[in-house]
Amino acid sequence: MLLTNDELSQAWSVFTQKLEDRKNHSAVTNFKMAKLNIVNNDSIEIVTENNIQQKFIEQERALLIEHLQHHFGNKALSYNVIIVETEASSQPIDKPLNTKEQYLKIIEEYPLVKELKDRLRLELDY
């Protein structure tokens, strides 16, 4: 069978379904997130967003390569997993605000809170 994007997607879906049948839901999620590229008739690139996705795919290496080789009738078929971080995955996650930052945010939005604190002569422990 000829290695085309459509056939590769179909073979990938069949393998993902096998994982689902084995109740390997974590792997299924990571397989569905991966992107596939054909390098040549004997090589495929599997592009993931992080090393966790890569590890889930690598755990299934033996079964996956056997499935792909059987599907395409090509014993020379191989694949490489490549990590390409997307901008969304490389952006820093917002850290929680400390108490001082929370207070500053509140008084920025509600200036009367600061006025009340001053009138009552409250001291804040940051």
PDB file of N, CA and C in Angstrom:
ATOM      1  N   MET A   1       0.842  -1.172   0.000  1.00  0.00           N
ATOM      2  CA  MET A   1       0.000   0.000   0.000  1.00  0.00           C
ATOM      3  C   MET A   1       0.895   1.246   0.000  1.00  0.00           C
ATOM      4  N   LEU A   2       0.482   2.239  -0.729  1.00  0.00           N
ATOM      5  CA  LEU A   2       1.252   3.468  -0.872  1.00  0.00           C
ATOM      6  C   LEU A   2       1.119   4.341   0.379  1.00  0.00           C
ATOM      7  N   LEU A   3       2.235   4.908   0.810  1.00  0.00           N
ATOM      8  CA  LEU A   3       2.259   5.771   1.990  1.00  0.00           C
ATOM      9  C   LEU A   3       1.785   7.169   1.600  1.00  0.00           C
ATOM     10  N   THR A   4       0.539   7.484   1.972  1.00  0.00           N
ATOM     11  CA  THR A   4      -0.022   8.813   1.708  1.00  0.00           C
ATOM     12  C   THR A   4      -0.533   9.382   3.023  1.00  0.00           C
ATOM     13  N   ASN A   5      -0.794  10.674   3.042  1.00  0.00           N
ATOM     14  CA  ASN A   5      -1.297  11.308   4.262  1.00  0.00           C
ATOM     15  C   ASN A   5      -2.633  10.703   4.695  1.00  0.00           C
ATOM     16  N   ASP A   6      -3.511  10.446   3.728  1.00  0.00           N
ATOM     17  CA  ASP A   6      -4.820   9.863   4.061  1.00  0.00           C
ATOM     18  C   ASP A   6      -4.671   8.463   4.643  1.00  0.00           C
ATOM     19  N   GLU A   7      -3.848   7.647   4.005  1.00  0.00           N
ATOM     20  CA  GLU A   7      -3.639   6.275   4.497  1.00  0.00           C
ATOM     21  C   GLU A   7      -2.952   6.289   5.861  1.00  0.00           C
ATOM     22  N   LEU A   8      -1.995   7.200   6.037  1.00  0.00           N
ATOM     23  CA  LEU A   8      -1.301   7.304   7.315  1.00  0.00           C
ATOM     24  C   LEU A   8      -2.281   7.700   8.420  1.00  0.00           C
ATOM     25  N   SER A   9      -3.146   8.656   8.131  1.00  0.00           N
ATOM     26  CA  SER A   9      -4.163   9.074   9.111  1.00  0.00           C
ATOM     27  C   SER A   9      -5.095   7.927   9.459  1.00  0.00           C
ATOM     28  N   GLN A  10      -5.454   7.163   8.453  1.00  0.00           N
ATOM     29  CA  GLN A  10      -6.339   6.019   8.686  1.00  0.00           C
ATOM     30  C   GLN A  10      -5.645   4.963   9.556  1.00  0.00           C
ATOM     31  N   ALA A  11      -4.398   4.641   9.233  1.00  0.00           N
ATOM     32  CA  ALA A  11      -3.652   3.652  10.017  1.00  0.00           C
ATOM     33  C   ALA A  11      -3.468   4.138  11.451  1.00  0.00           C
ATOM     34  N   TRP A  12      -3.217   5.438  11.606  1.00  0.00           N
ATOM     35  CA  TRP A  12      -3.040   6.039  12.929  1.00  0.00           C
ATOM     36  C   TRP A  12      -4.343   5.920  13.732  1.00  0.00           C
ATOM     37  N   SER A  13      -5.460   6.191  13.075  1.00  0.00           N
ATOM     38  CA  SER A  13      -6.772   6.100  13.741  1.00  0.00           C
ATOM     39  C   SER A  13      -7.060   4.664  14.184  1.00  0.00           C
ATOM     40  N   VAL A  14      -6.726   3.705  13.348  1.00  0.00           N
ATOM     41  CA  VAL A  14      -6.944   2.294  13.689  1.00  0.00           C
ATOM     42  C   VAL A  14      -6.111   1.927  14.918  1.00  0.00           C
ATOM     43  N   PHE A  15      -4.856   2.365  14.951  1.00  0.00           N
ATOM     44  CA  PHE A  15      -4.002   2.060  16.093  1.00  0.00           C
ATOM     45  C   PHE A  15      -4.523   2.754  17.354  1.00  0.00           C
ATOM     46  N   THR A  16      -4.962   3.996  17.214  1.00  0.00           N
ATOM     47  CA  THR A  16      -5.514   4.731  18.349  1.00  0.00           C
ATOM     48  C   THR A  16      -6.745   4.019  18.889  1.00  0.00           C
ATOM     49  N   GLN A  17      -7.550   3.472  17.997  1.00  0.00           N
ATOM     50  CA  GLN A  17      -8.735   2.710  18.416  1.00  0.00           C
ATOM     51  C   GLN A  17      -8.324   1.459  19.192  1.00  0.00           C
ATOM     52  N   LYS A  18      -7.238   0.809  18.759  1.00  0.00           N
ATOM     53  CA  LYS A  18      -6.736  -0.366  19.488  1.00  0.00           C
ATOM     54  C   LYS A  18      -6.340   0.027  20.907  1.00  0.00           C
ATOM     55  N   LEU A  19      -5.706   1.190  21.046  1.00  0.00           N
ATOM     56  CA  LEU A  19      -5.334   1.673  22.381  1.00  0.00           C
ATOM     57  C   LEU A  19      -6.587   1.937  23.223  1.00  0.00           C
ATOM     58  N   GLU A  20      -7.595   2.499  22.578  1.00  0.00           N
ATOM     59  CA  GLU A  20      -8.849   2.779  23.275  1.00  0.00           C
ATOM     60  C   GLU A  20      -9.510   1.475  23.724  1.00  0.00           C
ATOM     61  N   ASP A  21      -9.464   0.467  22.895  1.00  0.00           N
ATOM     62  CA  ASP A  21     -10.034  -0.833  23.243  1.00  0.00           C
ATOM     63  C   ASP A  21      -9.302  -1.452  24.431  1.00  0.00           C
ATOM     64  N   ARG A  22      -8.002  -1.158  24.556  1.00  0.00           N
ATOM     65  CA  ARG A  22      -7.208  -1.649  25.694  1.00  0.00           C
ATOM     66  C   ARG A  22      -7.371  -0.747  26.917  1.00  0.00           C
ATOM     67  N   LYS A  23      -8.226   0.269  26.804  1.00  0.00           N
ATOM     68  CA  LYS A  23      -8.519   1.218  27.883  1.00  0.00           C
ATOM     69  C   LYS A  23      -7.279   2.012  28.317  1.00  0.00           C
ATOM     70  N   ASN A  24      -6.434   2.319  27.347  1.00  0.00           N
ATOM     71  CA  ASN A  24      -5.235   3.123  27.596  1.00  0.00           C
ATOM     72  C   ASN A  24      -5.555   4.572  27.216  1.00  0.00           C
ATOM     73  N   HIS A  25      -6.419   5.207  27.999  1.00  0.00           N
ATOM     74  CA  HIS A  25      -6.956   6.519  27.652  1.00  0.00           C
ATOM     75  C   HIS A  25      -5.905   7.621  27.617  1.00  0.00           C
ATOM     76  N   SER A  26      -4.908   7.543  28.489  1.00  0.00           N
ATOM     77  CA  SER A  26      -3.851   8.568  28.478  1.00  0.00           C
ATOM     78  C   SER A  26      -3.088   8.535  27.158  1.00  0.00           C
ATOM     79  N   ALA A  27      -2.761   7.345  26.717  1.00  0.00           N
ATOM     80  CA  ALA A  27      -2.043   7.220  25.450  1.00  0.00           C
ATOM     81  C   ALA A  27      -2.922   7.682  24.294  1.00  0.00           C
ATOM     82  N   VAL A  28      -4.207   7.354  24.332  1.00  0.00           N
ATOM     83  CA  VAL A  28      -5.129   7.748  23.261  1.00  0.00           C
ATOM     84  C   VAL A  28      -5.130   9.261  23.110  1.00  0.00           C
ATOM     85  N   THR A  29      -5.234   9.964  24.218  1.00  0.00           N
ATOM     86  CA  THR A  29      -5.242  11.429  24.184  1.00  0.00           C
ATOM     87  C   THR A  29      -3.976  11.960  23.534  1.00  0.00           C
ATOM     88  N   ASN A  30      -2.827  11.418  23.915  1.00  0.00           N
ATOM     89  CA  ASN A  30      -1.558  11.890  23.367  1.00  0.00           C
ATOM     90  C   ASN A  30      -1.392  11.511  21.903  1.00  0.00           C
ATOM     91  N   PHE A  31      -1.884  10.367  21.508  1.00  0.00           N
ATOM     92  CA  PHE A  31      -1.826   9.970  20.101  1.00  0.00           C
ATOM     93  C   PHE A  31      -2.697  10.878  19.249  1.00  0.00           C
ATOM     94  N   LYS A  32      -3.858  11.269  19.777  1.00  0.00           N
ATOM     95  CA  LYS A  32      -4.744  12.145  19.019  1.00  0.00           C
ATOM     96  C   LYS A  32      -4.163  13.548  18.871  1.00  0.00           C
ATOM     97  N   MET A  33      -3.324  13.971  19.801  1.00  0.00           N
ATOM     98  CA  MET A  33      -2.730  15.309  19.747  1.00  0.00           C
ATOM     99  C   MET A  33      -1.521  15.374  18.816  1.00  0.00           C
ATOM    100  N   ALA A  34      -0.936  14.234  18.493  1.00  0.00           N
ATOM    101  CA  ALA A  34       0.262  14.205  17.662  1.00  0.00           C
ATOM    102  C   ALA A  34      -0.066  14.558  16.214  1.00  0.00           C
ATOM    103  N   LYS A  35       0.923  15.119  15.534  1.00  0.00           N
ATOM    104  CA  LYS A  35       0.784  15.448  14.113  1.00  0.00           C
ATOM    105  C   LYS A  35       1.745  14.553  13.326  1.00  0.00           C
ATOM    106  N   LEU A  36       1.311  14.142  12.158  1.00  0.00           N
ATOM    107  CA  LEU A  36       2.089  13.203  11.357  1.00  0.00           C
ATOM    108  C   LEU A  36       2.593  13.853  10.085  1.00  0.00           C
ATOM    109  N   ASN A  37       3.851  13.572   9.743  1.00  0.00           N
ATOM    110  CA  ASN A  37       4.443  14.054   8.488  1.00  0.00           C
ATOM    111  C   ASN A  37       5.141  12.883   7.808  1.00  0.00           C
ATOM    112  N   ILE A  38       5.003  12.815   6.500  1.00  0.00           N
ATOM    113  CA  ILE A  38       5.711  11.790   5.731  1.00  0.00           C
ATOM    114  C   ILE A  38       7.032  12.391   5.270  1.00  0.00           C
ATOM    115  N   VAL A  39       8.138  11.740   5.647  1.00  0.00           N
ATOM    116  CA  VAL A  39       9.455  12.202   5.223  1.00  0.00           C
ATOM    117  C   VAL A  39       9.771  11.616   3.852  1.00  0.00           C
ATOM    118  N   ASN A  40       9.646  10.295   3.732  1.00  0.00           N
ATOM    119  CA  ASN A  40       9.784   9.593   2.450  1.00  0.00           C
ATOM    120  C   ASN A  40       9.005   8.282   2.561  1.00  0.00           C
ATOM    121  N   ASN A  41       9.140   7.398   1.586  1.00  0.00           N
ATOM    122  CA  ASN A  41       8.360   6.153   1.596  1.00  0.00           C
ATOM    123  C   ASN A  41       8.698   5.217   2.751  1.00  0.00           C
ATOM    124  N   ASP A  42       9.842   5.446   3.408  1.00  0.00           N
ATOM    125  CA  ASP A  42      10.267   4.560   4.492  1.00  0.00           C
ATOM    126  C   ASP A  42      10.335   5.266   5.841  1.00  0.00           C
ATOM    127  N   SER A  43       9.918   6.519   5.916  1.00  0.00           N
ATOM    128  CA  SER A  43      10.104   7.259   7.160  1.00  0.00           C
ATOM    129  C   SER A  43       8.946   8.231   7.428  1.00  0.00           C
ATOM    130  N   ILE A  44       8.537   8.259   8.687  1.00  0.00           N
ATOM    131  CA  ILE A  44       7.452   9.129   9.140  1.00  0.00           C
ATOM    132  C   ILE A  44       7.958   9.947  10.319  1.00  0.00           C
ATOM    133  N   GLU A  45       7.527  11.183  10.396  1.00  0.00           N
ATOM    134  CA  GLU A  45       7.794  12.034  11.555  1.00  0.00           C
ATOM    135  C   GLU A  45       6.514  12.147  12.364  1.00  0.00           C
ATOM    136  N   ILE A  46       6.640  11.947  13.673  1.00  0.00           N
ATOM    137  CA  ILE A  46       5.515  12.157  14.578  1.00  0.00           C
ATOM    138  C   ILE A  46       5.882  13.378  15.416  1.00  0.00           C
ATOM    139  N   VAL A  47       5.122  14.444  15.273  1.00  0.00           N
ATOM    140  CA  VAL A  47       5.435  15.707  15.943  1.00  0.00           C
ATOM    141  C   VAL A  47       4.550  15.838  17.179  1.00  0.00           C
ATOM    142  N   THR A  48       5.197  16.030  18.332  1.00  0.00           N
ATOM    143  CA  THR A  48       4.487  16.219  19.596  1.00  0.00           C
ATOM    144  C   THR A  48       4.834  17.580  20.172  1.00  0.00           C
ATOM    145  N   GLU A  49       4.029  18.037  21.133  1.00  0.00           N
ATOM    146  CA  GLU A  49       4.248  19.348  21.725  1.00  0.00           C
ATOM    147  C   GLU A  49       5.161  19.320  22.936  1.00  0.00           C
ATOM    148  N   ASN A  50       5.341  18.154  23.562  1.00  0.00           N
ATOM    149  CA  ASN A  50       6.198  18.090  24.746  1.00  0.00           C
ATOM    150  C   ASN A  50       6.710  16.669  24.949  1.00  0.00           C
ATOM    151  N   ASN A  51       7.603  16.533  25.914  1.00  0.00           N
ATOM    152  CA  ASN A  51       8.230  15.224  26.120  1.00  0.00           C
ATOM    153  C   ASN A  51       7.283  14.212  26.760  1.00  0.00           C
ATOM    154  N   ILE A  52       6.216  14.669  27.408  1.00  0.00           N
ATOM    155  CA  ILE A  52       5.243  13.734  27.968  1.00  0.00           C
ATOM    156  C   ILE A  52       4.513  13.012  26.843  1.00  0.00           C
ATOM    157  N   GLN A  53       4.081  13.771  25.833  1.00  0.00           N
ATOM    158  CA  GLN A  53       3.434  13.142  24.675  1.00  0.00           C
ATOM    159  C   GLN A  53       4.403  12.189  23.994  1.00  0.00           C
ATOM    160  N   GLN A  54       5.663  12.609  23.895  1.00  0.00           N
ATOM    161  CA  GLN A  54       6.680  11.767  23.261  1.00  0.00           C
ATOM    162  C   GLN A  54       6.817  10.442  24.008  1.00  0.00           C
ATOM    163  N   LYS A  55       6.841  10.498  25.329  1.00  0.00           N
ATOM    164  CA  LYS A  55       7.011   9.282  26.119  1.00  0.00           C
ATOM    165  C   LYS A  55       5.835   8.318  25.938  1.00  0.00           C
ATOM    166  N   PHE A  56       4.609   8.840  25.867  1.00  0.00           N
ATOM    167  CA  PHE A  56       3.447   7.971  25.647  1.00  0.00           C
ATOM    168  C   PHE A  56       3.550   7.271  24.295  1.00  0.00           C
ATOM    169  N   ILE A  57       4.017   7.985  23.284  1.00  0.00           N
ATOM    170  CA  ILE A  57       4.149   7.373  21.955  1.00  0.00           C
ATOM    171  C   ILE A  57       5.292   6.360  21.960  1.00  0.00           C
ATOM    172  N   GLU A  58       6.399   6.706  22.613  1.00  0.00           N
ATOM    173  CA  GLU A  58       7.541   5.784  22.670  1.00  0.00           C
ATOM    174  C   GLU A  58       7.203   4.497  23.429  1.00  0.00           C
ATOM    175  N   GLN A  59       6.306   4.577  24.414  1.00  0.00           N
ATOM    176  CA  GLN A  59       5.903   3.374  25.150  1.00  0.00           C
ATOM    177  C   GLN A  59       5.231   2.353  24.236  1.00  0.00           C
ATOM    178  N   GLU A  60       4.616   2.825  23.187  1.00  0.00           N
ATOM    179  CA  GLU A  60       3.905   1.947  22.260  1.00  0.00           C
ATOM    180  C   GLU A  60       4.727   1.652  21.003  1.00  0.00           C
ATOM    181  N   ARG A  61       6.027   1.977  21.026  1.00  0.00           N
ATOM    182  CA  ARG A  61       6.879   1.887  19.838  1.00  0.00           C
ATOM    183  C   ARG A  61       6.771   0.533  19.131  1.00  0.00           C
ATOM    184  N   ALA A  62       6.960  -0.547  19.857  1.00  0.00           N
ATOM    185  CA  ALA A  62       6.985  -1.872  19.223  1.00  0.00           C
ATOM    186  C   ALA A  62       5.662  -2.185  18.529  1.00  0.00           C
ATOM    187  N   LEU A  63       4.561  -1.975  19.225  1.00  0.00           N
ATOM    188  CA  LEU A  63       3.250  -2.269  18.629  1.00  0.00           C
ATOM    189  C   LEU A  63       2.925  -1.308  17.491  1.00  0.00           C
ATOM    190  N   LEU A  64       3.292  -0.033  17.647  1.00  0.00           N
ATOM    191  CA  LEU A  64       2.993   0.960  16.615  1.00  0.00           C
ATOM    192  C   LEU A  64       3.759   0.669  15.329  1.00  0.00           C
ATOM    193  N   ILE A  65       5.048   0.407  15.443  1.00  0.00           N
ATOM    194  CA  ILE A  65       5.848   0.179  14.236  1.00  0.00           C
ATOM    195  C   ILE A  65       5.392  -1.111  13.543  1.00  0.00           C
ATOM    196  N   GLU A  66       5.051  -2.116  14.342  1.00  0.00           N
ATOM    197  CA  GLU A  66       4.539  -3.364  13.762  1.00  0.00           C
ATOM    198  C   GLU A  66       3.224  -3.107  13.019  1.00  0.00           C
ATOM    199  N   HIS A  67       2.354  -2.318  13.628  1.00  0.00           N
ATOM    200  CA  HIS A  67       1.069  -1.997  13.002  1.00  0.00           C
ATOM    201  C   HIS A  67       1.269  -1.229  11.697  1.00  0.00           C
ATOM    202  N   LEU A  68       2.134  -0.208  11.727  1.00  0.00           N
ATOM    203  CA  LEU A  68       2.362   0.604  10.526  1.00  0.00           C
ATOM    204  C   LEU A  68       3.025  -0.208   9.414  1.00  0.00           C
ATOM    205  N   GLN A  69       4.022  -1.019   9.774  1.00  0.00           N
ATOM    206  CA  GLN A  69       4.692  -1.846   8.768  1.00  0.00           C
ATOM    207  C   GLN A  69       3.718  -2.844   8.143  1.00  0.00           C
ATOM    208  N   HIS A  70       2.870  -3.425   8.969  1.00  0.00           N
ATOM    209  CA  HIS A  70       1.883  -4.379   8.449  1.00  0.00           C
ATOM    210  C   HIS A  70       0.858  -3.664   7.569  1.00  0.00           C
ATOM    211  N   HIS A  71       0.378  -2.506   8.012  1.00  0.00           N
ATOM    212  CA  HIS A  71      -0.642  -1.762   7.265  1.00  0.00           C
ATOM    213  C   HIS A  71      -0.138  -1.366   5.877  1.00  0.00           C
ATOM    214  N   PHE A  72       1.111  -0.904   5.807  1.00  0.00           N
ATOM    215  CA  PHE A  72       1.653  -0.438   4.528  1.00  0.00           C
ATOM    216  C   PHE A  72       2.439  -1.516   3.791  1.00  0.00           C
ATOM    217  N   GLY A  73       2.604  -2.692   4.403  1.00  0.00           N
ATOM    218  CA  GLY A  73       3.349  -3.774   3.750  1.00  0.00           C
ATOM    219  C   GLY A  73       4.790  -3.375   3.484  1.00  0.00           C
ATOM    220  N   ASN A  74       5.393  -2.649   4.417  1.00  0.00           N
ATOM    221  CA  ASN A  74       6.754  -2.138   4.237  1.00  0.00           C
ATOM    222  C   ASN A  74       7.542  -2.379   5.518  1.00  0.00           C
ATOM    223  N   LYS A  75       8.395  -3.408   5.499  1.00  0.00           N
ATOM    224  CA  LYS A  75       9.186  -3.752   6.686  1.00  0.00           C
ATOM    225  C   LYS A  75      10.284  -2.723   6.971  1.00  0.00           C
ATOM    226  N   ALA A  76      10.579  -1.857   6.023  1.00  0.00           N
ATOM    227  CA  ALA A  76      11.614  -0.835   6.217  1.00  0.00           C
ATOM    228  C   ALA A  76      11.047   0.445   6.827  1.00  0.00           C
ATOM    229  N   LEU A  77       9.736   0.495   6.992  1.00  0.00           N
ATOM    230  CA  LEU A  77       9.089   1.701   7.499  1.00  0.00           C
ATOM    231  C   LEU A  77       9.502   1.965   8.950  1.00  0.00           C
ATOM    232  N   SER A  78       9.881   3.205   9.227  1.00  0.00           N
ATOM    233  CA  SER A  78      10.261   3.589  10.587  1.00  0.00           C
ATOM    234  C   SER A  78       9.709   4.981  10.869  1.00  0.00           C
ATOM    235  N   TYR A  79       9.833   5.392  12.130  1.00  0.00           N
ATOM    236  CA  TYR A  79       9.375   6.736  12.470  1.00  0.00           C
ATOM    237  C   TYR A  79      10.280   7.366  13.520  1.00  0.00           C
ATOM    238  N   ASN A  80      10.250   8.671  13.565  1.00  0.00           N
ATOM    239  CA  ASN A  80      10.949   9.441  14.589  1.00  0.00           C
ATOM    240  C   ASN A  80       9.934  10.336  15.271  1.00  0.00           C
ATOM    241  N   VAL A  81      10.096  10.491  16.580  1.00  0.00           N
ATOM    242  CA  VAL A  81       9.233  11.395  17.326  1.00  0.00           C
ATOM    243  C   VAL A  81      10.006  12.678  17.560  1.00  0.00           C
ATOM    244  N   ILE A  82       9.410  13.795  17.179  1.00  0.00           N
ATOM    245  CA  ILE A  82      10.052  15.099  17.290  1.00  0.00           C
ATOM    246  C   ILE A  82       9.194  15.980  18.196  1.00  0.00           C
ATOM    247  N   ILE A  83       9.861  16.711  19.081  1.00  0.00           N
ATOM    248  CA  ILE A  83       9.149  17.636  19.961  1.00  0.00           C
ATOM    249  C   ILE A  83       9.276  19.036  19.385  1.00  0.00           C
ATOM    250  N   VAL A  84       8.134  19.665  19.135  1.00  0.00           N
ATOM    251  CA  VAL A  84       8.100  21.048  18.667  1.00  0.00           C
ATOM    252  C   VAL A  84       7.154  21.795  19.597  1.00  0.00           C
ATOM    253  N   GLU A  85       7.749  22.580  20.491  1.00  0.00           N
ATOM    254  CA  GLU A  85       6.919  23.312  21.440  1.00  0.00           C
ATOM    255  C   GLU A  85       6.158  24.411  20.721  1.00  0.00           C
ATOM    256  N   THR A  86       4.862  24.443  20.963  1.00  0.00           N
ATOM    257  CA  THR A  86       4.057  25.507  20.391  1.00  0.00           C
ATOM    258  C   THR A  86       4.138  26.713  21.311  1.00  0.00           C
ATOM    259  N   GLU A  87       3.747  27.856  20.805  1.00  0.00           N
ATOM    260  CA  GLU A  87       3.811  29.073  21.602  1.00  0.00           C
ATOM    261  C   GLU A  87       2.917  28.966  22.838  1.00  0.00           C
ATOM    262  N   ALA A  88       1.777  28.325  22.698  1.00  0.00           N
ATOM    263  CA  ALA A  88       0.856  28.179  23.831  1.00  0.00           C
ATOM    264  C   ALA A  88       1.472  27.333  24.935  1.00  0.00           C
ATOM    265  N   SER A  89       2.221  26.290  24.565  1.00  0.00           N
ATOM    266  CA  SER A  89       2.804  25.426  25.585  1.00  0.00           C
ATOM    267  C   SER A  89       4.061  26.029  26.189  1.00  0.00           C
ATOM    268  N   SER A  90       4.674  27.005  25.535  1.00  0.00           N
ATOM    269  CA  SER A  90       5.895  27.591  26.074  1.00  0.00           C
ATOM    270  C   SER A  90       5.639  28.853  26.882  1.00  0.00           C
ATOM    271  N   GLN A  91       4.406  29.361  26.880  1.00  0.00           N
ATOM    272  CA  GLN A  91       4.109  30.554  27.655  1.00  0.00           C
ATOM    273  C   GLN A  91       4.076  30.194  29.131  1.00  0.00           C
ATOM    274  N   PRO A  92       4.624  31.091  29.978  1.00  0.00           N
ATOM    275  CA  PRO A  92       4.613  30.790  31.408  1.00  0.00           C
ATOM    276  C   PRO A  92       3.183  30.814  31.952  1.00  0.00           C
ATOM    277  N   ILE A  93       2.946  29.946  32.889  1.00  0.00           N
ATOM    278  CA  ILE A  93       1.635  29.867  33.517  1.00  0.00           C
ATOM    279  C   ILE A  93       1.574  30.935  34.605  1.00  0.00           C
ATOM    280  N   ASP A  94       0.426  31.620  34.710  1.00  0.00           N
ATOM    281  CA  ASP A  94       0.272  32.646  35.730  1.00  0.00           C
ATOM    282  C   ASP A  94       0.408  32.018  37.104  1.00  0.00           C
ATOM    283  N   LYS A  95       1.273  32.617  37.922  1.00  0.00           N
ATOM    284  CA  LYS A  95       1.435  32.110  39.284  1.00  0.00           C
ATOM    285  C   LYS A  95       0.405  32.784  40.181  1.00  0.00           C
ATOM    286  N   PRO A  96       0.044  32.163  41.263  1.00  0.00           N
ATOM    287  CA  PRO A  96      -0.924  32.770  42.173  1.00  0.00           C
ATOM    288  C   PRO A  96      -0.336  34.033  42.805  1.00  0.00           C
ATOM    289  N   LEU A  97      -1.201  34.986  43.073  1.00  0.00           N
ATOM    290  CA  LEU A  97      -0.759  36.244  43.678  1.00  0.00           C
ATOM    291  C   LEU A  97      -0.531  36.045  45.170  1.00  0.00           C
ATOM    292  N   ASN A  98       0.515  36.716  45.687  1.00  0.00           N
ATOM    293  CA  ASN A  98       0.700  36.690  47.133  1.00  0.00           C
ATOM    294  C   ASN A  98      -0.265  37.700  47.752  1.00  0.00           C
ATOM    295  N   THR A  99      -0.296  37.793  49.077  1.00  0.00           N
ATOM    296  CA  THR A  99      -1.292  38.641  49.733  1.00  0.00           C
ATOM    297  C   THR A  99      -1.128  40.120  49.398  1.00  0.00           C
ATOM    298  N   LYS A 100       0.097  40.578  49.288  1.00  0.00           N
ATOM    299  CA  LYS A 100       0.316  41.986  48.946  1.00  0.00           C
ATOM    300  C   LYS A 100      -0.187  42.275  47.531  1.00  0.00           C
ATOM    301  N   GLU A 101       0.129  41.386  46.599  1.00  0.00           N
ATOM    302  CA  GLU A 101      -0.329  41.558  45.218  1.00  0.00           C
ATOM    303  C   GLU A 101      -1.851  41.498  45.130  1.00  0.00           C
ATOM    304  N   GLN A 102      -2.455  40.624  45.944  1.00  0.00           N
ATOM    305  CA  GLN A 102      -3.911  40.553  45.972  1.00  0.00           C
ATOM    306  C   GLN A 102      -4.493  41.877  46.452  1.00  0.00           C
ATOM    307  N   TYR A 103      -3.914  42.419  47.536  1.00  0.00           N
ATOM    308  CA  TYR A 103      -4.394  43.687  48.085  1.00  0.00           C
ATOM    309  C   TYR A 103      -4.253  44.808  47.053  1.00  0.00           C
ATOM    310  N   LEU A 104      -3.098  44.889  46.397  1.00  0.00           N
ATOM    311  CA  LEU A 104      -2.878  45.941  45.398  1.00  0.00           C
ATOM    312  C   LEU A 104      -3.866  45.827  44.239  1.00  0.00           C
ATOM    313  N   LYS A 105      -4.166  44.609  43.874  1.00  0.00           N
ATOM    314  CA  LYS A 105      -5.135  44.410  42.792  1.00  0.00           C
ATOM    315  C   LYS A 105      -6.539  44.853  43.232  1.00  0.00           C
ATOM    316  N   ILE A 106      -6.883  44.531  44.466  1.00  0.00           N
ATOM    317  CA  ILE A 106      -8.202  44.913  44.977  1.00  0.00           C
ATOM    318  C   ILE A 106      -8.337  46.430  45.048  1.00  0.00           C
ATOM    319  N   ILE A 107      -7.299  47.112  45.599  1.00  0.00           N
ATOM    320  CA  ILE A 107      -7.427  48.577  45.723  1.00  0.00           C
ATOM    321  C   ILE A 107      -7.366  49.272  44.374  1.00  0.00           C
ATOM    322  N   GLU A 108      -6.741  48.625  43.417  1.00  0.00           N
ATOM    323  CA  GLU A 108      -6.740  49.182  42.063  1.00  0.00           C
ATOM    324  C   GLU A 108      -8.165  49.176  41.498  1.00  0.00           C
ATOM    325  N   GLU A 109      -8.874  48.090  41.774  1.00  0.00           N
ATOM    326  CA  GLU A 109     -10.228  47.963  41.267  1.00  0.00           C
ATOM    327  C   GLU A 109     -11.259  48.673  42.160  1.00  0.00           C
ATOM    328  N   TYR A 110     -11.008  48.648  43.470  1.00  0.00           N
ATOM    329  CA  TYR A 110     -11.944  49.255  44.430  1.00  0.00           C
ATOM    330  C   TYR A 110     -11.178  50.208  45.360  1.00  0.00           C
ATOM    331  N   PRO A 111     -10.976  51.454  44.967  1.00  0.00           N
ATOM    332  CA  PRO A 111     -10.198  52.405  45.767  1.00  0.00           C
ATOM    333  C   PRO A 111     -10.787  52.666  47.158  1.00  0.00           C
ATOM    334  N   LEU A 112     -12.049  52.454  47.343  1.00  0.00           N
ATOM    335  CA  LEU A 112     -12.659  52.685  48.651  1.00  0.00           C
ATOM    336  C   LEU A 112     -12.133  51.714  49.714  1.00  0.00           C
ATOM    337  N   VAL A 113     -11.641  50.561  49.283  1.00  0.00           N
ATOM    338  CA  VAL A 113     -11.060  49.609  50.231  1.00  0.00           C
ATOM    339  C   VAL A 113      -9.837  50.226  50.896  1.00  0.00           C
ATOM    340  N   LYS A 114      -9.009  50.899  50.118  1.00  0.00           N
ATOM    341  CA  LYS A 114      -7.823  51.562  50.681  1.00  0.00           C
ATOM    342  C   LYS A 114      -8.244  52.686  51.624  1.00  0.00           C
ATOM    343  N   GLU A 115      -9.248  53.436  51.216  1.00  0.00           N
ATOM    344  CA  GLU A 115      -9.729  54.525  52.062  1.00  0.00           C
ATOM    345  C   GLU A 115     -10.237  53.982  53.402  1.00  0.00           C
ATOM    346  N   LEU A 116     -10.962  52.882  53.376  1.00  0.00           N
ATOM    347  CA  LEU A 116     -11.460  52.264  54.598  1.00  0.00           C
ATOM    348  C   LEU A 116     -10.309  51.785  55.474  1.00  0.00           C
ATOM    349  N   LYS A 117      -9.320  51.154  54.858  1.00  0.00           N
ATOM    350  CA  LYS A 117      -8.141  50.685  55.606  1.00  0.00           C
ATOM    351  C   LYS A 117      -7.457  51.859  56.294  1.00  0.00           C
ATOM    352  N   ASP A 118      -7.288  52.984  55.569  1.00  0.00           N
ATOM    353  CA  ASP A 118      -6.636  54.166  56.135  1.00  0.00           C
ATOM    354  C   ASP A 118      -7.468  54.769  57.263  1.00  0.00           C
ATOM    355  N   ARG A 119      -8.769  54.859  57.105  1.00  0.00           N
ATOM    356  CA  ARG A 119      -9.643  55.436  58.127  1.00  0.00           C
ATOM    357  C   ARG A 119      -9.619  54.617  59.412  1.00  0.00           C
ATOM    358  N   LEU A 120      -9.589  53.303  59.233  1.00  0.00           N
ATOM    359  CA  LEU A 120      -9.578  52.421  60.400  1.00  0.00           C
ATOM    360  C   LEU A 120      -8.170  52.212  60.946  1.00  0.00           C
ATOM    361  N   ARG A 121      -7.194  52.798  60.271  1.00  0.00           N
ATOM    362  CA  ARG A 121      -5.776  52.688  60.650  1.00  0.00           C
ATOM    363  C   ARG A 121      -5.346  51.226  60.829  1.00  0.00           C
ATOM    364  N   LEU A 122      -5.713  50.466  59.819  1.00  0.00           N
ATOM    365  CA  LEU A 122      -5.349  49.042  59.826  1.00  0.00           C
ATOM    366  C   LEU A 122      -3.938  48.851  59.303  1.00  0.00           C
ATOM    367  N   GLU A 123      -3.239  47.927  59.896  1.00  0.00           N
ATOM    368  CA  GLU A 123      -1.913  47.540  59.425  1.00  0.00           C
ATOM    369  C   GLU A 123      -2.039  46.143  58.807  1.00  0.00           C
ATOM    370  N   LEU A 124      -1.535  45.997  57.622  1.00  0.00           N
ATOM    371  CA  LEU A 124      -1.622  44.714  56.939  1.00  0.00           C
ATOM    372  C   LEU A 124      -0.304  43.955  57.060  1.00  0.00           C
ATOM    373  N   ASP A 125      -0.408  42.690  57.332  1.00  0.00           N
ATOM    374  CA  ASP A 125       0.764  41.818  57.379  1.00  0.00           C
ATOM    375  C   ASP A 125       0.908  41.140  56.030  1.00  0.00           C
ATOM    376  N   TYR A 126       1.910  41.546  55.309  1.00  0.00           N
ATOM    377  CA  TYR A 126       2.100  40.951  53.974  1.00  0.00           C
ATOM    378  C   TYR A 126       2.923  39.711  54.074  1.00  0.00           C
TER     379      TYR A 126
END
